[in-house]
Full PDB file with SEQRES, HELIX, SHEET, SSBOND, CRYST1, ORIGX, SCALE, CONECT and MASTER records, all heavy atoms in Angstrom:
SEQRES   1 A   30  LYS SER LYS ILE LYS LEU VAL PRO THR ALA ASN GLY GLN          
SEQRES   2 A   30  LEU THR PHE THR ILE THR VAL SER VAL GLU GLY GLU ILE          
SEQRES   3 A   30  GLN GLU VAL ASN                                              
SHEET    1 AA1 2 SER A   2  VAL A   7  0                                        
SHEET    2 AA1 2 THR A  15  VAL A  20 -1                                        
CRYST1    1.000    1.000    1.000  90.00  90.00  90.00 P 1           1          
ORIGX1      1.000000  0.000000  0.000000        0.00000                         
ORIGX2      0.000000  1.000000  0.000000        0.00000                         
ORIGX3      0.000000  0.000000  1.000000        0.00000                         
SCALE1      1.000000  0.000000  0.000000        0.00000                         
SCALE2      0.000000  1.000000  0.000000        0.00000                         
SCALE3      0.000000  0.000000  1.000000        0.00000                         
ATOM      1  N   LYS A   1    -169.042 -52.110 234.213  1.00  0.00           N  
ATOM      2  CA  LYS A   1    -168.040 -53.159 234.029  1.00  0.00           C  
ATOM      3  C   LYS A   1    -166.925 -52.589 233.176  1.00  0.00           C  
ATOM      4  O   LYS A   1    -167.114 -51.612 232.442  1.00  0.00           O  
ATOM      5  CB  LYS A   1    -168.639 -54.416 233.392  1.00  0.00           C  
ATOM      6  CG  LYS A   1    -169.242 -54.210 232.017  1.00  0.00           C  
ATOM      7  CD  LYS A   1    -169.827 -55.519 231.493  1.00  0.00           C  
ATOM      8  CE  LYS A   1    -170.448 -55.325 230.097  1.00  0.00           C  
ATOM      9  NZ  LYS A   1    -171.005 -56.599 229.578  1.00  0.00           N  
ATOM     10  N   SER A   2    -165.753 -53.188 233.268  1.00  0.00           N  
ATOM     11  CA  SER A   2    -164.617 -52.686 232.499  1.00  0.00           C  
ATOM     12  C   SER A   2    -163.775 -53.847 231.989  1.00  0.00           C  
ATOM     13  O   SER A   2    -163.820 -54.959 232.530  1.00  0.00           O  
ATOM     14  CB  SER A   2    -163.772 -51.737 233.344  1.00  0.00           C  
ATOM     15  OG  SER A   2    -163.153 -52.441 234.407  1.00  0.00           O  
ATOM     16  N   LYS A   3    -162.998 -53.548 230.953  1.00  0.00           N  
ATOM     17  CA  LYS A   3    -162.132 -54.556 230.357  1.00  0.00           C  
ATOM     18  C   LYS A   3    -160.820 -53.898 229.952  1.00  0.00           C  
ATOM     19  O   LYS A   3    -160.809 -52.857 229.302  1.00  0.00           O  
ATOM     20  CB  LYS A   3    -162.805 -55.191 229.139  1.00  0.00           C  
ATOM     21  CG  LYS A   3    -162.012 -56.323 228.507  1.00  0.00           C  
ATOM     22  CD  LYS A   3    -162.779 -56.943 227.346  1.00  0.00           C  
ATOM     23  CE  LYS A   3    -161.989 -58.104 226.732  1.00  0.00           C  
ATOM     24  NZ  LYS A   3    -162.735 -58.725 225.596  1.00  0.00           N  
ATOM     25  N   ILE A   4    -159.709 -54.517 230.332  1.00  0.00           N  
ATOM     26  CA  ILE A   4    -158.372 -54.013 230.011  1.00  0.00           C  
ATOM     27  C   ILE A   4    -157.827 -54.774 228.798  1.00  0.00           C  
ATOM     28  O   ILE A   4    -157.992 -55.987 228.692  1.00  0.00           O  
ATOM     29  CB  ILE A   4    -157.416 -54.191 231.203  1.00  0.00           C  
ATOM     30  CG1 ILE A   4    -157.919 -53.420 232.426  1.00  0.00           C  
ATOM     31  CG2 ILE A   4    -156.006 -53.727 230.845  1.00  0.00           C  
ATOM     32  CD1 ILE A   4    -157.145 -53.722 233.693  1.00  0.00           C  
ATOM     33  N   LYS A   5    -157.154 -54.051 227.915  1.00  0.00           N  
ATOM     34  CA  LYS A   5    -156.537 -54.682 226.748  1.00  0.00           C  
ATOM     35  C   LYS A   5    -155.235 -53.977 226.407  1.00  0.00           C  
ATOM     36  O   LYS A   5    -155.160 -52.751 226.409  1.00  0.00           O  
ATOM     37  CB  LYS A   5    -157.486 -54.636 225.541  1.00  0.00           C  
ATOM     38  CG  LYS A   5    -156.976 -55.405 224.332  1.00  0.00           C  
ATOM     39  CD  LYS A   5    -157.997 -55.400 223.205  1.00  0.00           C  
ATOM     40  CE  LYS A   5    -157.479 -56.204 222.006  1.00  0.00           C  
ATOM     41  NZ  LYS A   5    -158.470 -56.204 220.897  1.00  0.00           N  
ATOM     42  N   LEU A   6    -154.211 -54.786 226.134  1.00  0.00           N  
ATOM     43  CA  LEU A   6    -152.930 -54.236 225.686  1.00  0.00           C  
ATOM     44  C   LEU A   6    -153.000 -54.020 224.179  1.00  0.00           C  
ATOM     45  O   LEU A   6    -153.346 -54.927 223.422  1.00  0.00           O  
ATOM     46  CB  LEU A   6    -151.789 -55.197 226.022  1.00  0.00           C  
ATOM     47  CG  LEU A   6    -150.381 -54.763 225.619  1.00  0.00           C  
ATOM     48  CD1 LEU A   6    -149.969 -53.513 226.395  1.00  0.00           C  
ATOM     49  CD2 LEU A   6    -149.378 -55.890 225.872  1.00  0.00           C  
ATOM     50  N   VAL A   7    -152.692 -52.791 223.739  1.00  0.00           N  
ATOM     51  CA  VAL A   7    -152.836 -52.425 222.329  1.00  0.00           C  
ATOM     52  C   VAL A   7    -151.460 -52.340 221.665  1.00  0.00           C  
ATOM     53  O   VAL A   7    -150.589 -51.589 222.134  1.00  0.00           O  
ATOM     54  CB  VAL A   7    -153.567 -51.074 222.192  1.00  0.00           C  
ATOM     55  CG1 VAL A   7    -153.738 -50.723 220.719  1.00  0.00           C  
ATOM     56  CG2 VAL A   7    -154.911 -51.114 222.897  1.00  0.00           C  
ATOM     57  N   PRO A   8    -151.237 -53.089 220.581  1.00  0.00           N  
ATOM     58  CA  PRO A   8    -149.956 -52.990 219.856  1.00  0.00           C  
ATOM     59  C   PRO A   8    -149.774 -51.597 219.257  1.00  0.00           C  
ATOM     60  O   PRO A   8    -150.721 -50.999 218.756  1.00  0.00           O  
ATOM     61  CB  PRO A   8    -150.097 -54.049 218.749  1.00  0.00           C  
ATOM     62  CG  PRO A   8    -151.203 -54.946 219.196  1.00  0.00           C  
ATOM     63  CD  PRO A   8    -152.138 -54.084 219.985  1.00  0.00           C  
ATOM     64  N   THR A   9    -148.547 -51.091 219.310  1.00  0.00           N  
ATOM     65  CA  THR A   9    -148.253 -49.774 218.732  1.00  0.00           C  
ATOM     66  C   THR A   9    -146.997 -49.856 217.872  1.00  0.00           C  
ATOM     67  O   THR A   9    -146.115 -50.690 218.106  1.00  0.00           O  
ATOM     68  CB  THR A   9    -148.042 -48.712 219.835  1.00  0.00           C  
ATOM     69  OG1 THR A   9    -146.973 -49.133 220.681  1.00  0.00           O  
ATOM     70  CG2 THR A   9    -149.303 -48.520 220.649  1.00  0.00           C  
ATOM     71  N   ALA A  10    -146.910 -48.956 216.892  1.00  0.00           N  
ATOM     72  CA  ALA A  10    -145.773 -48.958 215.965  1.00  0.00           C  
ATOM     73  C   ALA A  10    -144.474 -48.546 216.651  1.00  0.00           C  
ATOM     74  O   ALA A  10    -143.392 -49.032 216.319  1.00  0.00           O  
ATOM     75  CB  ALA A  10    -146.070 -48.024 214.793  1.00  0.00           C  
ATOM     76  N   ASN A  11    -144.566 -47.651 217.622  1.00  0.00           N  
ATOM     77  CA  ASN A  11    -143.350 -47.143 218.275  1.00  0.00           C  
ATOM     78  C   ASN A  11    -142.937 -47.952 219.507  1.00  0.00           C  
ATOM     79  O   ASN A  11    -141.978 -47.608 220.191  1.00  0.00           O  
ATOM     80  CB  ASN A  11    -143.540 -45.678 218.661  1.00  0.00           C  
ATOM     81  CG  ASN A  11    -144.689 -45.500 219.648  1.00  0.00           C  
ATOM     82  OD1 ASN A  11    -145.309 -46.462 220.083  1.00  0.00           O  
ATOM     83  ND2 ASN A  11    -144.971 -44.249 219.984  1.00  0.00           N  
ATOM     84  N   GLY A  12    -143.667 -49.014 219.808  1.00  0.00           N  
ATOM     85  CA  GLY A  12    -143.308 -49.860 220.937  1.00  0.00           C  
ATOM     86  C   GLY A  12    -143.762 -49.335 222.287  1.00  0.00           C  
ATOM     87  O   GLY A  12    -143.485 -49.938 223.328  1.00  0.00           O  
ATOM     88  N   GLN A  13    -144.465 -48.208 222.310  1.00  0.00           N  
ATOM     89  CA  GLN A  13    -144.983 -47.631 223.557  1.00  0.00           C  
ATOM     90  C   GLN A  13    -146.012 -48.583 224.164  1.00  0.00           C  
ATOM     91  O   GLN A  13    -146.954 -49.002 223.511  1.00  0.00           O  
ATOM     92  CB  GLN A  13    -145.643 -46.287 223.270  1.00  0.00           C  
ATOM     93  CG  GLN A  13    -146.496 -45.719 224.398  1.00  0.00           C  
ATOM     94  CD  GLN A  13    -145.663 -45.124 225.515  1.00  0.00           C  
ATOM     95  OE1 GLN A  13    -144.700 -44.425 225.271  1.00  0.00           O  
ATOM     96  NE2 GLN A  13    -146.047 -45.407 226.742  1.00  0.00           N  
ATOM     97  N   LEU A  14    -145.803 -48.944 225.410  1.00  0.00           N  
ATOM     98  CA  LEU A  14    -146.738 -49.830 226.095  1.00  0.00           C  
ATOM     99  C   LEU A  14    -148.053 -49.081 226.288  1.00  0.00           C  
ATOM    100  O   LEU A  14    -148.120 -48.095 227.027  1.00  0.00           O  
ATOM    101  CB  LEU A  14    -146.155 -50.257 227.441  1.00  0.00           C  
ATOM    102  CG  LEU A  14    -146.739 -51.520 228.091  1.00  0.00           C  
ATOM    103  CD1 LEU A  14    -146.533 -52.731 227.180  1.00  0.00           C  
ATOM    104  CD2 LEU A  14    -146.112 -51.762 229.448  1.00  0.00           C  
ATOM    105  N   THR A  15    -149.098 -49.546 225.611  1.00  0.00           N  
ATOM    106  CA  THR A  15    -150.372 -48.824 225.595  1.00  0.00           C  
ATOM    107  C   THR A  15    -151.516 -49.744 225.977  1.00  0.00           C  
ATOM    108  O   THR A  15    -151.647 -50.853 225.448  1.00  0.00           O  
ATOM    109  CB  THR A  15    -150.636 -48.229 224.199  1.00  0.00           C  
ATOM    110  OG1 THR A  15    -149.545 -47.378 223.841  1.00  0.00           O  
ATOM    111  CG2 THR A  15    -151.932 -47.428 224.191  1.00  0.00           C  
ATOM    112  N   PHE A  16    -152.332 -49.266 226.908  1.00  0.00           N  
ATOM    113  CA  PHE A  16    -153.505 -50.019 227.350  1.00  0.00           C  
ATOM    114  C   PHE A  16    -154.772 -49.261 226.973  1.00  0.00           C  
ATOM    115  O   PHE A  16    -154.794 -48.030 226.960  1.00  0.00           O  
ATOM    116  CB  PHE A  16    -153.491 -50.213 228.871  1.00  0.00           C  
ATOM    117  CG  PHE A  16    -152.372 -51.066 229.382  1.00  0.00           C  
ATOM    118  CD1 PHE A  16    -151.153 -50.497 229.728  1.00  0.00           C  
ATOM    119  CD2 PHE A  16    -152.530 -52.434 229.525  1.00  0.00           C  
ATOM    120  CE1 PHE A  16    -150.111 -51.271 230.208  1.00  0.00           C  
ATOM    121  CE2 PHE A  16    -151.496 -53.222 230.007  1.00  0.00           C  
ATOM    122  CZ  PHE A  16    -150.287 -52.639 230.341  1.00  0.00           C  
ATOM    123  N   THR A  17    -155.819 -50.020 226.716  1.00  0.00           N  
ATOM    124  CA  THR A  17    -157.146 -49.438 226.554  1.00  0.00           C  
ATOM    125  C   THR A  17    -158.056 -50.036 227.618  1.00  0.00           C  
ATOM    126  O   THR A  17    -158.132 -51.262 227.760  1.00  0.00           O  
ATOM    127  CB  THR A  17    -157.736 -49.740 225.161  1.00  0.00           C  
ATOM    128  OG1 THR A  17    -156.944 -49.081 224.168  1.00  0.00           O  
ATOM    129  CG2 THR A  17    -159.162 -49.223 225.060  1.00  0.00           C  
ATOM    130  N   ILE A  18    -158.699 -49.169 228.384  1.00  0.00           N  
ATOM    131  CA  ILE A  18    -159.689 -49.627 229.367  1.00  0.00           C  
ATOM    132  C   ILE A  18    -161.065 -49.250 228.825  1.00  0.00           C  
ATOM    133  O   ILE A  18    -161.392 -48.064 228.691  1.00  0.00           O  
ATOM    134  CB  ILE A  18    -159.465 -48.979 230.747  1.00  0.00           C  
ATOM    135  CG1 ILE A  18    -158.070 -49.311 231.270  1.00  0.00           C  
ATOM    136  CG2 ILE A  18    -160.525 -49.473 231.736  1.00  0.00           C  
ATOM    137  CD1 ILE A  18    -157.757 -48.698 232.633  1.00  0.00           C  
ATOM    138  N   THR A  19    -161.842 -50.253 228.476  1.00  0.00           N  
ATOM    139  CA  THR A  19    -163.191 -50.034 227.969  1.00  0.00           C  
ATOM    140  C   THR A  19    -164.169 -50.131 229.122  1.00  0.00           C  
ATOM    141  O   THR A  19    -164.229 -51.152 229.819  1.00  0.00           O  
ATOM    142  CB  THR A  19    -163.546 -51.073 226.891  1.00  0.00           C  
ATOM    143  OG1 THR A  19    -162.599 -50.978 225.813  1.00  0.00           O  
ATOM    144  CG2 THR A  19    -164.943 -50.832 226.349  1.00  0.00           C  
ATOM    145  N   VAL A  20    -164.900 -49.069 229.338  1.00  0.00           N  
ATOM    146  CA  VAL A  20    -165.850 -49.003 230.451  1.00  0.00           C  
ATOM    147  C   VAL A  20    -167.272 -48.977 229.906  1.00  0.00           C  
ATOM    148  O   VAL A  20    -167.592 -48.168 229.031  1.00  0.00           O  
ATOM    149  CB  VAL A  20    -165.603 -47.743 231.316  1.00  0.00           C  
ATOM    150  CG1 VAL A  20    -166.657 -47.631 232.409  1.00  0.00           C  
ATOM    151  CG2 VAL A  20    -164.204 -47.775 231.912  1.00  0.00           C  
ATOM    152  N   SER A  21    -168.096 -49.866 230.397  1.00  0.00           N  
ATOM    153  CA  SER A  21    -169.520 -49.894 230.030  1.00  0.00           C  
ATOM    154  C   SER A  21    -170.344 -49.568 231.268  1.00  0.00           C  
ATOM    155  O   SER A  21    -170.197 -50.218 232.310  1.00  0.00           O  
ATOM    156  CB  SER A  21    -169.909 -51.276 229.489  1.00  0.00           C  
ATOM    157  OG  SER A  21    -169.145 -51.588 228.332  1.00  0.00           O  
ATOM    158  N   VAL A  22    -171.178 -48.554 231.144  1.00  0.00           N  
ATOM    159  CA  VAL A  22    -171.983 -48.077 232.271  1.00  0.00           C  
ATOM    160  C   VAL A  22    -173.462 -48.092 231.900  1.00  0.00           C  
ATOM    161  O   VAL A  22    -173.830 -47.701 230.791  1.00  0.00           O  
ATOM    162  CB  VAL A  22    -171.568 -46.639 232.675  1.00  0.00           C  
ATOM    163  CG1 VAL A  22    -172.401 -46.156 233.855  1.00  0.00           C  
ATOM    164  CG2 VAL A  22    -170.090 -46.590 233.026  1.00  0.00           C  
ATOM    165  N   GLU A  23    -174.270 -48.563 232.821  1.00  0.00           N  
ATOM    166  CA  GLU A  23    -175.722 -48.592 232.596  1.00  0.00           C  
ATOM    167  C   GLU A  23    -176.420 -47.780 233.677  1.00  0.00           C  
ATOM    168  O   GLU A  23    -176.085 -47.875 234.857  1.00  0.00           O  
ATOM    169  CB  GLU A  23    -176.239 -50.031 232.619  1.00  0.00           C  
ATOM    170  CG  GLU A  23    -177.732 -50.150 232.328  1.00  0.00           C  
ATOM    171  CD  GLU A  23    -178.218 -51.580 232.302  1.00  0.00           C  
ATOM    172  OE1 GLU A  23    -177.389 -52.488 232.057  1.00  0.00           O  
ATOM    173  OE2 GLU A  23    -179.428 -51.800 232.529  1.00  0.00           O  
ATOM    174  N   GLY A  24    -177.388 -46.949 233.260  1.00  0.00           N  
ATOM    175  CA  GLY A  24    -178.117 -46.144 234.235  1.00  0.00           C  
ATOM    176  C   GLY A  24    -179.302 -45.449 233.611  1.00  0.00           C  
ATOM    177  O   GLY A  24    -179.716 -45.772 232.496  1.00  0.00           O  
ATOM    178  N   GLU A  25    -179.848 -44.491 234.329  1.00  0.00           N  
ATOM    179  CA  GLU A  25    -181.015 -43.761 233.847  1.00  0.00           C  
ATOM    180  C   GLU A  25    -180.863 -42.269 234.113  1.00  0.00           C  
ATOM    181  O   GLU A  25    -180.121 -41.869 235.015  1.00  0.00           O  
ATOM    182  CB  GLU A  25    -182.285 -44.287 234.500  1.00  0.00           C  
ATOM    183  CG  GLU A  25    -182.314 -44.158 236.013  1.00  0.00           C  
ATOM    184  CD  GLU A  25    -183.557 -44.768 236.638  1.00  0.00           C  
ATOM    185  OE1 GLU A  25    -183.978 -45.840 236.184  1.00  0.00           O  
ATOM    186  OE2 GLU A  25    -184.100 -44.155 237.582  1.00  0.00           O  
ATOM    187  N   ILE A  26    -181.540 -41.466 233.303  1.00  0.00           N  
ATOM    188  CA  ILE A  26    -181.492 -40.014 233.449  1.00  0.00           C  
ATOM    189  C   ILE A  26    -182.602 -39.549 234.390  1.00  0.00           C  
ATOM    190  O   ILE A  26    -183.747 -39.947 234.274  1.00  0.00           O  
ATOM    191  CB  ILE A  26    -181.667 -39.305 232.096  1.00  0.00           C  
ATOM    192  CG1 ILE A  26    -180.468 -39.605 231.175  1.00  0.00           C  
ATOM    193  CG2 ILE A  26    -181.831 -37.800 232.277  1.00  0.00           C  
ATOM    194  CD1 ILE A  26    -179.171 -38.977 231.625  1.00  0.00           C  
ATOM    195  N   GLN A  27    -182.201 -38.700 235.339  1.00  0.00           N  
ATOM    196  CA  GLN A  27    -183.169 -38.037 236.206  1.00  0.00           C  
ATOM    197  C   GLN A  27    -182.917 -36.546 236.102  1.00  0.00           C  
ATOM    198  O   GLN A  27    -181.773 -36.115 235.974  1.00  0.00           O  
ATOM    199  CB  GLN A  27    -183.011 -38.506 237.654  1.00  0.00           C  
ATOM    200  CG  GLN A  27    -183.264 -39.989 237.832  1.00  0.00           C  
ATOM    201  CD  GLN A  27    -183.066 -40.429 239.274  1.00  0.00           C  
ATOM    202  OE1 GLN A  27    -182.477 -39.706 240.085  1.00  0.00           O  
ATOM    203  NE2 GLN A  27    -183.554 -41.603 239.593  1.00  0.00           N  
ATOM    204  N   GLU A  28    -183.978 -35.735 236.144  1.00  0.00           N  
ATOM    205  CA  GLU A  28    -183.819 -34.291 235.966  1.00  0.00           C  
ATOM    206  C   GLU A  28    -183.942 -33.540 237.281  1.00  0.00           C  
ATOM    207  O   GLU A  28    -184.652 -33.939 238.188  1.00  0.00           O  
ATOM    208  CB  GLU A  28    -184.866 -33.726 235.010  1.00  0.00           C  
ATOM    209  CG  GLU A  28    -184.868 -34.345 233.634  1.00  0.00           C  
ATOM    210  CD  GLU A  28    -185.910 -35.435 233.510  1.00  0.00           C  
ATOM    211  OE1 GLU A  28    -186.435 -35.875 234.546  1.00  0.00           O  
ATOM    212  OE2 GLU A  28    -186.191 -35.838 232.381  1.00  0.00           O  
ATOM    213  N   VAL A  29    -183.221 -32.447 237.327  1.00  0.00           N  
ATOM    214  CA  VAL A  29    -183.349 -31.496 238.423  1.00  0.00           C  
ATOM    215  C   VAL A  29    -183.520 -30.118 237.794  1.00  0.00           C  
ATOM    216  O   VAL A  29    -182.795 -29.746 236.874  1.00  0.00           O  
ATOM    217  CB  VAL A  29    -182.102 -31.506 239.328  1.00  0.00           C  
ATOM    218  CG1 VAL A  29    -182.241 -30.455 240.424  1.00  0.00           C  
ATOM    219  CG2 VAL A  29    -181.893 -32.878 239.928  1.00  0.00           C  
ATOM    220  N   ASN A  30    -184.482 -29.343 238.267  1.00  0.00           N  
ATOM    221  CA  ASN A  30    -184.762 -28.012 237.716  1.00  0.00           C  
ATOM    222  C   ASN A  30    -185.121 -28.058 236.229  1.00  0.00           C  
ATOM    223  O   ASN A  30    -184.834 -27.139 235.469  1.00  0.00           O  
ATOM    224  CB  ASN A  30    -183.558 -27.072 237.901  1.00  0.00           C  
ATOM    225  CG  ASN A  30    -183.263 -26.842 239.369  1.00  0.00           C  
ATOM    226  OD1 ASN A  30    -184.169 -26.854 240.199  1.00  0.00           O  
ATOM    227  ND2 ASN A  30    -182.003 -26.637 239.688  1.00  0.00           N  
TER     228      ASN A  30                                                      
MASTER        0    0    0    0    2    0    0    6  227    1    0    3          
END                                                                             
């Protein structure tokens, strides 16, 4: 799942943060 957020900046640069949450499991090879 992901979430977008507009982040305030001092220089006025339009900045976004995309937070990604991933769920899974580890499987081994070799």
